[in-house]
Amino acid sequence: MELSTIALTAYVLVWPVIVAGTLTVIVRAFVKEAKKAKAEGRSII
């Protein structure tokens, strides 16, 4: 196999993990803020 084939394969397999990690961080922060807003009795928006 060529190096470019290996690099492309690695990229295709790794980017969903990076995206999932980023999405997890965003969702966790949103949930934390939503809980805090609810406890304070205000809207999150």
N, C-alpha and C. Protein backbone atom coordinates (compact mmCIF):
# COMPACT_ATOMS: atom_id res chain seq x y z
N MET A 1 0.84 -1.19 0.00
CA MET A 1 0.00 0.00 0.00
C MET A 1 0.88 1.25 0.00
N GLU A 2 0.36 2.24 -0.66
CA GLU A 2 1.08 3.51 -0.69
C GLU A 2 0.82 4.29 0.59
N LEU A 3 1.71 5.22 0.86
CA LEU A 3 1.57 6.05 2.05
C LEU A 3 0.29 6.88 1.99
N SER A 4 -0.05 7.39 0.81
CA SER A 4 -1.25 8.22 0.69
C SER A 4 -2.51 7.40 0.99
N THR A 5 -2.51 6.14 0.62
CA THR A 5 -3.65 5.27 0.91
C THR A 5 -3.77 5.04 2.40
N ILE A 6 -2.67 4.82 3.06
CA ILE A 6 -2.66 4.60 4.51
C ILE A 6 -3.10 5.88 5.23
N ALA A 7 -2.59 7.02 4.77
CA ALA A 7 -2.96 8.30 5.39
C ALA A 7 -4.44 8.59 5.22
N LEU A 8 -4.97 8.34 4.05
CA LEU A 8 -6.40 8.57 3.80
C LEU A 8 -7.25 7.63 4.65
N THR A 9 -6.84 6.39 4.76
CA THR A 9 -7.56 5.42 5.59
C THR A 9 -7.56 5.87 7.05
N ALA A 10 -6.40 6.29 7.54
CA ALA A 10 -6.31 6.76 8.92
C ALA A 10 -7.19 7.98 9.14
N TYR A 11 -7.20 8.89 8.19
CA TYR A 11 -8.02 10.10 8.29
C TYR A 11 -9.51 9.74 8.36
N VAL A 12 -9.94 8.85 7.48
CA VAL A 12 -11.35 8.45 7.43
C VAL A 12 -11.75 7.75 8.72
N LEU A 13 -10.85 7.01 9.33
CA LEU A 13 -11.18 6.29 10.56
C LEU A 13 -11.09 7.17 11.81
N VAL A 14 -10.26 8.21 11.78
CA VAL A 14 -10.02 9.02 12.97
C VAL A 14 -10.97 10.22 13.06
N TRP A 15 -11.36 10.82 11.94
CA TRP A 15 -12.17 12.04 12.05
C TRP A 15 -13.49 11.85 12.76
N PRO A 16 -14.18 10.70 12.64
CA PRO A 16 -15.41 10.55 13.42
C PRO A 16 -15.16 10.56 14.93
N VAL A 17 -14.02 10.05 15.35
CA VAL A 17 -13.67 10.05 16.77
C VAL A 17 -13.46 11.49 17.25
N ILE A 18 -12.78 12.30 16.46
CA ILE A 18 -12.54 13.69 16.80
C ILE A 18 -13.87 14.45 16.85
N VAL A 19 -14.72 14.23 15.88
CA VAL A 19 -16.03 14.90 15.84
C VAL A 19 -16.88 14.47 17.04
N ALA A 20 -16.88 13.19 17.35
CA ALA A 20 -17.66 12.69 18.49
C ALA A 20 -17.15 13.30 19.80
N GLY A 21 -15.86 13.41 19.94
CA GLY A 21 -15.28 14.03 21.15
C GLY A 21 -15.68 15.49 21.28
N THR A 22 -15.61 16.22 20.18
CA THR A 22 -15.99 17.62 20.19
C THR A 22 -17.47 17.79 20.51
N LEU A 23 -18.31 16.97 19.89
CA LEU A 23 -19.74 17.02 20.15
C LEU A 23 -20.05 16.69 21.60
N THR A 24 -19.35 15.73 22.17
CA THR A 24 -19.53 15.35 23.57
C THR A 24 -19.24 16.53 24.49
N VAL A 25 -18.15 17.23 24.23
CA VAL A 25 -17.79 18.40 25.05
C VAL A 25 -18.87 19.48 24.96
N ILE A 26 -19.35 19.74 23.75
CA ILE A 26 -20.38 20.76 23.56
C ILE A 26 -21.67 20.38 24.27
N VAL A 27 -22.10 19.13 24.12
CA VAL A 27 -23.34 18.68 24.74
C VAL A 27 -23.23 18.70 26.26
N ARG A 28 -22.10 18.28 26.80
CA ARG A 28 -21.92 18.29 28.25
C ARG A 28 -21.99 19.71 28.80
N ALA A 29 -21.36 20.65 28.10
CA ALA A 29 -21.40 22.05 28.53
C ALA A 29 -22.83 22.60 28.46
N PHE A 30 -23.56 22.24 27.41
CA PHE A 30 -24.94 22.70 27.26
C PHE A 30 -25.82 22.16 28.38
N VAL A 31 -25.68 20.88 28.67
CA VAL A 31 -26.48 20.25 29.74
C VAL A 31 -26.17 20.91 31.07
N LYS A 32 -24.90 21.17 31.33
CA LYS A 32 -24.49 21.82 32.58
C LYS A 32 -25.13 23.20 32.70
N GLU A 33 -25.08 23.97 31.62
CA GLU A 33 -25.67 25.31 31.62
C GLU A 33 -27.19 25.24 31.76
N ALA A 34 -27.82 24.25 31.12
CA ALA A 34 -29.27 24.11 31.20
C ALA A 34 -29.69 23.78 32.64
N LYS A 35 -28.96 22.91 33.30
CA LYS A 35 -29.28 22.56 34.68
C LYS A 35 -29.11 23.78 35.59
N LYS A 36 -28.04 24.54 35.36
CA LYS A 36 -27.79 25.74 36.16
C LYS A 36 -28.90 26.76 35.95
N ALA A 37 -29.32 26.95 34.72
CA ALA A 37 -30.38 27.91 34.41
C ALA A 37 -31.70 27.47 35.05
N LYS A 38 -31.98 26.18 34.99
CA LYS A 38 -33.23 25.67 35.58
C LYS A 38 -33.21 25.86 37.09
N ALA A 39 -32.07 25.63 37.72
CA ALA A 39 -31.96 25.80 39.16
C ALA A 39 -32.16 27.27 39.55
N GLU A 40 -31.73 28.19 38.68
CA GLU A 40 -31.90 29.61 38.94
C GLU A 40 -33.25 30.13 38.48
N GLY A 41 -34.04 29.28 37.83
CA GLY A 41 -35.37 29.65 37.39
C GLY A 41 -35.39 30.59 36.19
N ARG A 42 -34.41 30.47 35.33
CA ARG A 42 -34.38 31.33 34.14
C ARG A 42 -34.27 30.48 32.88
N SER A 43 -34.58 31.11 31.76
CA SER A 43 -34.50 30.42 30.48
C SER A 43 -33.04 30.32 30.03
N ILE A 44 -32.72 29.26 29.34
CA ILE A 44 -31.35 29.12 28.85
C ILE A 44 -31.12 29.98 27.61
N ILE A 45 -32.20 30.34 26.95
CA ILE A 45 -32.07 31.16 25.74
C ILE A 45 -32.18 32.63 26.11
